[in-house]
Amino acid sequence: MSTSTSAPGGYTYPYPRPMLTVDLVLFTFVAGELRVLLIERGHEPFAGAWALPGGFVEIDEKLEDAAQRELREETGVRDVYLEQLYTFGDPDRDPRGRVITVAYVGIVSADASQHIYAGDDARNARWFNVYDLPQLAFDHERIIRYAVQRLRYKLEYTALGFLLLPERFTLSELQQVYETVLQEKLDKRNFRRKVLSQGIIEKTAQLRYGDHRPARLYRFSAAAIELEKARRRFP
């Protein structure tokens, strides 16, 4: 392998250099829907098409910093926890050339999801039902499908649901989240027995009153939330 010196103490290799981007899959749960944040592209390629927020990594920038920067610049979303999802590198995934992207996934609350705006080179920013998406640019549909599968897995085995629900919720609301994410109907009795046996939620002293009999409100236990936060710090 031959090398050529480009600077004192530095070397370059005579091989093509692929470009590197980050793409962000941000989920929220609103009005009974699992939604993903998309931006309308303002420039070619795919001008006018919907896509995941993202962009090129600067030469002196950490991947995590690039992900947070692109999310902030294109959608106004700040300081959200992002977990590295997967690296997508098919040779023909981007018409601009050999572009490898590192995808990140995150979740924001229903309240925080209202505070988005289009910026930088994005014409618009909107939340879409993840099961009713528009035609997407690049391979972003594949990236979203992969992220949904990761979310399904983590929802079943962790307390990740605390990010998709308000602080206090009914068991029916919790079941709705599971059914929406998993895309399957769950038996009410079996679901409640399973989720209560896991020890990740606990009863509160509060009831919710409505047209039917009062419903007990639950919350995720502090121990379960701390464990999930530890998993997110050390994936």
C-alpha atoms as a PDB file:
ATOM      1  CA  MET A   1       0.000   0.000   0.000  1.00  0.00           C
ATOM      2  CA  SER A   2       1.532   3.291  -1.044  1.00  0.00           C
ATOM      3  CA  THR A   3       1.162   6.527   0.861  1.00  0.00           C
ATOM      4  CA  SER A   4       1.983  10.147   0.222  1.00  0.00           C
ATOM      5  CA  THR A   5       2.799  12.649   2.926  1.00  0.00           C
ATOM      6  CA  SER A   6       0.365  15.585   2.943  1.00  0.00           C
ATOM      7  CA  ALA A   7       1.620  17.389   6.032  1.00  0.00           C
ATOM      8  CA  PRO A   8       4.257  16.909   8.713  1.00  0.00           C
ATOM      9  CA  GLY A   9       3.295  13.763  10.592  1.00  0.00           C
ATOM     10  CA  GLY A  10       0.268  13.100   8.358  1.00  0.00           C
ATOM     11  CA  TYR A  11      -0.397  10.766   5.473  1.00  0.00           C
ATOM     12  CA  THR A  12      -2.960  10.409   2.722  1.00  0.00           C
ATOM     13  CA  TYR A  13      -3.838   7.278   0.785  1.00  0.00           C
ATOM     14  CA  PRO A  14      -4.527   7.119  -2.980  1.00  0.00           C
ATOM     15  CA  TYR A  15      -8.101   5.887  -2.603  1.00  0.00           C
ATOM     16  CA  PRO A  16     -11.479   7.582  -3.129  1.00  0.00           C
ATOM     17  CA  ARG A  17     -12.910   9.116   0.023  1.00  0.00           C
ATOM     18  CA  PRO A  18     -16.623   8.508   0.698  1.00  0.00           C
ATOM     19  CA  MET A  19     -18.707  11.325   2.140  1.00  0.00           C
ATOM     20  CA  LEU A  20     -20.280  10.959   5.597  1.00  0.00           C
ATOM     21  CA  THR A  21     -23.711  12.143   6.742  1.00  0.00           C
ATOM     22  CA  VAL A  22     -26.004  11.722   9.741  1.00  0.00           C
ATOM     23  CA  ASP A  23     -29.768  11.152   9.558  1.00  0.00           C
ATOM     24  CA  LEU A  24     -32.184  11.554  12.467  1.00  0.00           C
ATOM     25  CA  VAL A  25     -35.274   9.446  13.167  1.00  0.00           C
ATOM     26  CA  LEU A  26     -37.303  11.282  15.799  1.00  0.00           C
ATOM     27  CA  PHE A  27     -40.497   9.681  17.139  1.00  0.00           C
ATOM     28  CA  THR A  28     -43.404  11.015  19.156  1.00  0.00           C
ATOM     29  CA  PHE A  29     -46.817   9.636  20.149  1.00  0.00           C
ATOM     30  CA  VAL A  30     -49.742  12.013  19.563  1.00  0.00           C
ATOM     31  CA  ALA A  31     -53.496  11.429  19.188  1.00  0.00           C
ATOM     32  CA  GLY A  32     -53.062   7.676  19.160  1.00  0.00           C
ATOM     33  CA  GLU A  33     -50.433   7.786  16.395  1.00  0.00           C
ATOM     34  CA  LEU A  34     -46.752   6.978  16.330  1.00  0.00           C
ATOM     35  CA  ARG A  35     -45.270   9.855  14.340  1.00  0.00           C
ATOM     36  CA  VAL A  36     -41.889  10.592  12.798  1.00  0.00           C
ATOM     37  CA  LEU A  37     -40.421  14.013  12.077  1.00  0.00           C
ATOM     38  CA  LEU A  38     -39.693  14.792   8.411  1.00  0.00           C
ATOM     39  CA  ILE A  39     -38.410  17.837   6.565  1.00  0.00           C
ATOM     40  CA  GLU A  40     -39.223  19.023   3.050  1.00  0.00           C
ATOM     41  CA  ARG A  41     -35.959  19.341   1.155  1.00  0.00           C
ATOM     42  CA  GLY A  42     -35.165  22.761  -0.269  1.00  0.00           C
ATOM     43  CA  HIS A  43     -32.376  21.725  -2.626  1.00  0.00           C
ATOM     44  CA  GLU A  44     -31.467  18.998  -5.073  1.00  0.00           C
ATOM     45  CA  PRO A  45     -31.276  16.115  -5.054  1.00  0.00           C
ATOM     46  CA  PHE A  46     -34.927  15.412  -4.284  1.00  0.00           C
ATOM     47  CA  ALA A  47     -35.901  19.093  -3.921  1.00  0.00           C
ATOM     48  CA  GLY A  48     -39.470  19.276  -2.628  1.00  0.00           C
ATOM     49  CA  ALA A  49     -39.447  15.683  -1.381  1.00  0.00           C
ATOM     50  CA  TRP A  50     -39.819  14.681   2.250  1.00  0.00           C
ATOM     51  CA  ALA A  51     -36.824  13.248   4.075  1.00  0.00           C
ATOM     52  CA  LEU A  52     -35.332  12.681   7.489  1.00  0.00           C
ATOM     53  CA  PRO A  53     -33.508  15.631   9.051  1.00  0.00           C
ATOM     54  CA  GLY A  54     -29.776  15.290   8.534  1.00  0.00           C
ATOM     55  CA  GLY A  55     -26.739  16.408   6.631  1.00  0.00           C
ATOM     56  CA  PHE A  56     -23.007  16.188   6.135  1.00  0.00           C
ATOM     57  CA  VAL A  57     -20.569  15.744   9.002  1.00  0.00           C
ATOM     58  CA  GLU A  58     -17.941  18.466   9.171  1.00  0.00           C
ATOM     59  CA  ILE A  59     -14.304  17.395   9.016  1.00  0.00           C
ATOM     60  CA  ASP A  60     -13.547  18.251  12.661  1.00  0.00           C
ATOM     61  CA  GLU A  61     -16.962  17.287  14.109  1.00  0.00           C
ATOM     62  CA  LYS A  62     -17.977  14.341  16.261  1.00  0.00           C
ATOM     63  CA  LEU A  63     -20.857  12.264  14.909  1.00  0.00           C
ATOM     64  CA  GLU A  64     -23.064  12.995  17.931  1.00  0.00           C
ATOM     65  CA  ASP A  65     -22.401  16.718  17.623  1.00  0.00           C
ATOM     66  CA  ALA A  66     -23.261  16.646  13.922  1.00  0.00           C
ATOM     67  CA  ALA A  67     -26.546  14.846  14.685  1.00  0.00           C
ATOM     68  CA  GLN A  68     -27.585  17.392  17.310  1.00  0.00           C
ATOM     69  CA  ARG A  69     -26.536  20.294  15.071  1.00  0.00           C
ATOM     70  CA  GLU A  70     -28.485  19.082  12.031  1.00  0.00           C
ATOM     71  CA  LEU A  71     -31.577  18.419  14.131  1.00  0.00           C
ATOM     72  CA  ARG A  72     -31.374  21.877  15.671  1.00  0.00           C
ATOM     73  CA  GLU A  73     -30.698  23.708  12.390  1.00  0.00           C
ATOM     74  CA  GLU A  74     -33.376  21.971  10.313  1.00  0.00           C
ATOM     75  CA  THR A  75     -36.196  21.485  12.846  1.00  0.00           C
ATOM     76  CA  GLY A  76     -35.487  23.626  15.914  1.00  0.00           C
ATOM     77  CA  VAL A  77     -35.416  20.537  18.165  1.00  0.00           C
ATOM     78  CA  ARG A  78     -32.722  20.820  20.840  1.00  0.00           C
ATOM     79  CA  ASP A  79     -31.075  18.686  23.477  1.00  0.00           C
ATOM     80  CA  VAL A  80     -32.898  15.444  22.773  1.00  0.00           C
ATOM     81  CA  TYR A  81     -31.253  12.145  23.642  1.00  0.00           C
ATOM     82  CA  LEU A  82     -30.154  10.395  20.438  1.00  0.00           C
ATOM     83  CA  GLU A  83     -29.045   6.791  20.229  1.00  0.00           C
ATOM     84  CA  GLN A  84     -26.977   5.537  17.313  1.00  0.00           C
ATOM     85  CA  LEU A  85     -29.180   3.252  15.257  1.00  0.00           C
ATOM     86  CA  TYR A  86     -27.262   1.800  12.308  1.00  0.00           C
ATOM     87  CA  THR A  87     -24.912   2.673   9.469  1.00  0.00           C
ATOM     88  CA  PHE A  88     -26.350   2.608   5.949  1.00  0.00           C
ATOM     89  CA  GLY A  89     -23.837   2.454   3.132  1.00  0.00           C
ATOM     90  CA  ASP A  90     -25.236   0.948  -0.055  1.00  0.00           C
ATOM     91  CA  PRO A  91     -23.110   2.346  -2.918  1.00  0.00           C
ATOM     92  CA  ASP A  92     -26.097   3.775  -4.815  1.00  0.00           C
ATOM     93  CA  ARG A  93     -28.109   5.158  -1.897  1.00  0.00           C
ATOM     94  CA  ASP A  94     -27.297   8.793  -2.765  1.00  0.00           C
ATOM     95  CA  PRO A  95     -27.113  10.248  -6.314  1.00  0.00           C
ATOM     96  CA  ARG A  96     -24.411  12.722  -5.205  1.00  0.00           C
ATOM     97  CA  GLY A  97     -21.866   9.938  -4.925  1.00  0.00           C
ATOM     98  CA  ARG A  98     -20.547   7.475  -2.360  1.00  0.00           C
ATOM     99  CA  VAL A  99     -22.294   8.676   0.799  1.00  0.00           C
ATOM    100  CA  ILE A 100     -22.370   6.669   4.012  1.00  0.00           C
ATOM    101  CA  THR A 101     -24.865   7.747   6.669  1.00  0.00           C
ATOM    102  CA  VAL A 102     -24.964   7.053  10.385  1.00  0.00           C
ATOM    103  CA  ALA A 103     -28.593   7.064  11.551  1.00  0.00           C
ATOM    104  CA  TYR A 104     -29.671   8.138  15.034  1.00  0.00           C
ATOM    105  CA  VAL A 105     -33.021   7.602  16.752  1.00  0.00           C
ATOM    106  CA  GLY A 106     -34.713   9.594  19.514  1.00  0.00           C
ATOM    107  CA  ILE A 107     -38.083  10.208  21.171  1.00  0.00           C
ATOM    108  CA  VAL A 108     -39.718  13.468  22.222  1.00  0.00           C
ATOM    109  CA  SER A 109     -42.820  14.014  24.311  1.00  0.00           C
ATOM    110  CA  ALA A 110     -46.131  15.075  22.806  1.00  0.00           C
ATOM    111  CA  ASP A 111     -45.708  18.548  24.336  1.00  0.00           C
ATOM    112  CA  ALA A 112     -42.189  19.014  22.965  1.00  0.00           C
ATOM    113  CA  SER A 113     -43.278  17.815  19.527  1.00  0.00           C
ATOM    114  CA  GLN A 114     -45.263  21.032  19.028  1.00  0.00           C
ATOM    115  CA  HIS A 115     -42.133  23.194  19.071  1.00  0.00           C
ATOM    116  CA  ILE A 116     -40.664  22.532  15.645  1.00  0.00           C
ATOM    117  CA  TYR A 117     -39.924  24.806  12.714  1.00  0.00           C
ATOM    118  CA  ALA A 118     -38.129  24.486   9.403  1.00  0.00           C
ATOM    119  CA  GLY A 119     -34.680  26.012   9.191  1.00  0.00           C
ATOM    120  CA  ASP A 120     -31.417  25.932   7.258  1.00  0.00           C
ATOM    121  CA  ASP A 121     -32.100  24.248   3.876  1.00  0.00           C
ATOM    122  CA  ALA A 122     -35.451  22.723   4.896  1.00  0.00           C
ATOM    123  CA  ARG A 123     -38.622  24.256   3.407  1.00  0.00           C
ATOM    124  CA  ASN A 124     -40.933  22.694   5.963  1.00  0.00           C
ATOM    125  CA  ALA A 125     -40.919  20.373   8.983  1.00  0.00           C
ATOM    126  CA  ARG A 126     -43.865  18.149   9.904  1.00  0.00           C
ATOM    127  CA  TRP A 127     -44.796  15.076  11.924  1.00  0.00           C
ATOM    128  CA  PHE A 128     -46.160  12.153   9.895  1.00  0.00           C
ATOM    129  CA  ASN A 129     -47.899   8.963  10.967  1.00  0.00           C
ATOM    130  CA  VAL A 130     -45.111   6.417  10.661  1.00  0.00           C
ATOM    131  CA  TYR A 131     -47.528   3.972   9.007  1.00  0.00           C
ATOM    132  CA  ASP A 132     -48.753   6.514   6.441  1.00  0.00           C
ATOM    133  CA  LEU A 133     -45.655   8.147   5.015  1.00  0.00           C
ATOM    134  CA  PRO A 134     -45.263  10.226   1.851  1.00  0.00           C
ATOM    135  CA  GLN A 135     -42.777   9.262  -0.848  1.00  0.00           C
ATOM    136  CA  LEU A 136     -39.369   9.703   0.761  1.00  0.00           C
ATOM    137  CA  ALA A 137     -35.984  10.763  -0.578  1.00  0.00           C
ATOM    138  CA  PHE A 138     -32.912   8.544  -0.624  1.00  0.00           C
ATOM    139  CA  ASP A 139     -33.315   5.285   1.375  1.00  0.00           C
ATOM    140  CA  HIS A 140     -35.067   7.028   4.248  1.00  0.00           C
ATOM    141  CA  GLU A 141     -38.088   4.728   4.206  1.00  0.00           C
ATOM    142  CA  ARG A 142     -35.737   1.815   4.892  1.00  0.00           C
ATOM    143  CA  ILE A 143     -34.072   3.744   7.724  1.00  0.00           C
ATOM    144  CA  ILE A 144     -37.449   4.505   9.325  1.00  0.00           C
ATOM    145  CA  ARG A 145     -38.554   0.864   9.074  1.00  0.00           C
ATOM    146  CA  TYR A 146     -35.351  -0.199  10.796  1.00  0.00           C
ATOM    147  CA  ALA A 147     -35.898   2.390  13.547  1.00  0.00           C
ATOM    148  CA  VAL A 148     -39.472   1.196  14.131  1.00  0.00           C
ATOM    149  CA  GLN A 149     -38.205  -2.362  14.580  1.00  0.00           C
ATOM    150  CA  ARG A 150     -35.689  -1.133  17.156  1.00  0.00           C
ATOM    151  CA  LEU A 151     -38.440   0.772  18.957  1.00  0.00           C
ATOM    152  CA  ARG A 152     -40.667  -2.311  19.052  1.00  0.00           C
ATOM    153  CA  TYR A 153     -37.920  -4.403  20.573  1.00  0.00           C
ATOM    154  CA  LYS A 154     -37.017  -1.830  23.215  1.00  0.00           C
ATOM    155  CA  LEU A 155     -40.644  -1.150  24.113  1.00  0.00           C
ATOM    156  CA  GLU A 156     -41.243  -4.794  24.983  1.00  0.00           C
ATOM    157  CA  TYR A 157     -38.164  -5.223  27.166  1.00  0.00           C
ATOM    158  CA  THR A 158     -37.472  -1.804  28.695  1.00  0.00           C
ATOM    159  CA  ALA A 159     -39.252   1.164  30.263  1.00  0.00           C
ATOM    160  CA  LEU A 160     -38.837   3.213  27.098  1.00  0.00           C
ATOM    161  CA  GLY A 161     -42.580   3.845  27.082  1.00  0.00           C
ATOM    162  CA  PHE A 162     -42.132   6.571  29.682  1.00  0.00           C
ATOM    163  CA  LEU A 163     -40.977   8.821  26.827  1.00  0.00           C
ATOM    164  CA  LEU A 164     -44.133   8.150  24.798  1.00  0.00           C
ATOM    165  CA  LEU A 165     -46.677   8.762  27.565  1.00  0.00           C
ATOM    166  CA  PRO A 166     -47.594  11.586  29.935  1.00  0.00           C
ATOM    167  CA  GLU A 167     -46.335  11.307  33.507  1.00  0.00           C
ATOM    168  CA  ARG A 168     -49.586   9.616  34.603  1.00  0.00           C
ATOM    169  CA  PHE A 169     -51.658   7.369  32.366  1.00  0.00           C
ATOM    170  CA  THR A 170     -54.286   4.652  32.410  1.00  0.00           C
ATOM    171  CA  LEU A 171     -53.592   1.035  31.525  1.00  0.00           C
ATOM    172  CA  SER A 172     -55.781   1.518  28.460  1.00  0.00           C
ATOM    173  CA  GLU A 173     -53.557   4.371  27.288  1.00  0.00           C
ATOM    174  CA  LEU A 174     -50.468   2.258  27.883  1.00  0.00           C
ATOM    175  CA  GLN A 175     -51.988  -0.604  25.895  1.00  0.00           C
ATOM    176  CA  GLN A 176     -52.825   1.790  23.051  1.00  0.00           C
ATOM    177  CA  VAL A 177     -49.157   2.789  22.790  1.00  0.00           C
ATOM    178  CA  TYR A 178     -48.065  -0.853  22.664  1.00  0.00           C
ATOM    179  CA  GLU A 179     -50.679  -1.770  20.080  1.00  0.00           C
ATOM    180  CA  THR A 180     -49.818   1.203  17.886  1.00  0.00           C
ATOM    181  CA  VAL A 181     -46.078   0.587  17.963  1.00  0.00           C
ATOM    182  CA  LEU A 182     -46.329  -3.200  17.648  1.00  0.00           C
ATOM    183  CA  GLN A 183     -49.157  -2.986  15.086  1.00  0.00           C
ATOM    184  CA  GLU A 184     -51.133  -5.795  16.687  1.00  0.00           C
ATOM    185  CA  LYS A 185     -54.182  -6.150  18.902  1.00  0.00           C
ATOM    186  CA  LEU A 186     -53.347  -7.286  22.425  1.00  0.00           C
ATOM    187  CA  ASP A 187     -55.584  -9.197  24.793  1.00  0.00           C
ATOM    188  CA  LYS A 188     -56.516  -6.769  27.554  1.00  0.00           C
ATOM    189  CA  ARG A 189     -56.276  -9.219  30.458  1.00  0.00           C
ATOM    190  CA  ASN A 190     -52.997 -10.786  29.331  1.00  0.00           C
ATOM    191  CA  PHE A 191     -51.447  -7.403  28.598  1.00  0.00           C
ATOM    192  CA  ARG A 192     -52.282  -6.029  32.026  1.00  0.00           C
ATOM    193  CA  ARG A 193     -51.057  -9.138  33.803  1.00  0.00           C
ATOM    194  CA  LYS A 194     -47.774  -9.066  31.901  1.00  0.00           C
ATOM    195  CA  VAL A 195     -47.045  -5.369  32.275  1.00  0.00           C
ATOM    196  CA  LEU A 196     -47.926  -5.343  35.978  1.00  0.00           C
ATOM    197  CA  SER A 197     -45.714  -8.373  36.635  1.00  0.00           C
ATOM    198  CA  GLN A 198     -42.702  -6.622  35.088  1.00  0.00           C
ATOM    199  CA  GLY A 199     -42.552  -4.075  37.896  1.00  0.00           C
ATOM    200  CA  ILE A 200     -41.925  -1.140  35.575  1.00  0.00           C
ATOM    201  CA  ILE A 201     -45.145   0.729  36.419  1.00  0.00           C
ATOM    202  CA  GLU A 202     -46.853   1.480  39.723  1.00  0.00           C
ATOM    203  CA  LYS A 203     -50.264   2.656  40.853  1.00  0.00           C
ATOM    204  CA  THR A 204     -50.855   6.228  41.913  1.00  0.00           C
ATOM    205  CA  ALA A 205     -53.563   7.458  44.286  1.00  0.00           C
ATOM    206  CA  GLN A 206     -55.267   9.315  41.450  1.00  0.00           C
ATOM    207  CA  LEU A 207     -58.257   8.360  39.352  1.00  0.00           C
ATOM    208  CA  ARG A 208     -59.406   9.700  36.013  1.00  0.00           C
ATOM    209  CA  TYR A 209     -63.128  10.412  35.787  1.00  0.00           C
ATOM    210  CA  GLY A 210     -65.102  10.305  32.568  1.00  0.00           C
ATOM    211  CA  ASP A 211     -68.229   8.830  31.033  1.00  0.00           C
ATOM    212  CA  HIS A 212     -67.478   5.400  32.478  1.00  0.00           C
ATOM    213  CA  ARG A 213     -66.290   4.245  35.859  1.00  0.00           C
ATOM    214  CA  PRO A 214     -63.143   5.964  37.185  1.00  0.00           C
ATOM    215  CA  ALA A 215     -59.867   4.618  35.841  1.00  0.00           C
ATOM    216  CA  ARG A 216     -56.785   4.210  37.989  1.00  0.00           C
ATOM    217  CA  LEU A 217     -53.771   6.260  36.930  1.00  0.00           C
ATOM    218  CA  TYR A 218     -50.327   4.676  36.795  1.00  0.00           C
ATOM    219  CA  ARG A 219     -46.795   5.927  36.314  1.00  0.00           C
ATOM    220  CA  PHE A 220     -43.472   4.356  35.451  1.00  0.00           C
ATOM    221  CA  SER A 221     -41.539   3.511  38.594  1.00  0.00           C
ATOM    222  CA  ALA A 222     -38.533   5.639  39.439  1.00  0.00           C
ATOM    223  CA  ALA A 223     -36.316   2.545  39.449  1.00  0.00           C
ATOM    224  CA  ALA A 224     -37.466   1.513  35.959  1.00  0.00           C
ATOM    225  CA  ILE A 225     -36.887   5.014  34.591  1.00  0.00           C
ATOM    226  CA  GLU A 226     -33.410   5.215  36.101  1.00  0.00           C
ATOM    227  CA  LEU A 227     -32.559   1.802  34.671  1.00  0.00           C
ATOM    228  CA  GLU A 228     -33.737   2.898  31.233  1.00  0.00           C
ATOM    229  CA  LYS A 229     -31.737   6.120  31.483  1.00  0.00           C
ATOM    230  CA  ALA A 230     -28.669   4.075  32.435  1.00  0.00           C
ATOM    231  CA  ARG A 231     -29.211   1.843  29.396  1.00  0.00           C
ATOM    232  CA  ARG A 232     -29.407   4.940  27.225  1.00  0.00           C
ATOM    233  CA  ARG A 233     -26.180   6.325  28.691  1.00  0.00           C
ATOM    234  CA  PHE A 234     -24.416   3.012  28.203  1.00  0.00           C
ATOM    235  CA  PRO A 235     -26.126   1.235  25.260  1.00  0.00           C
END
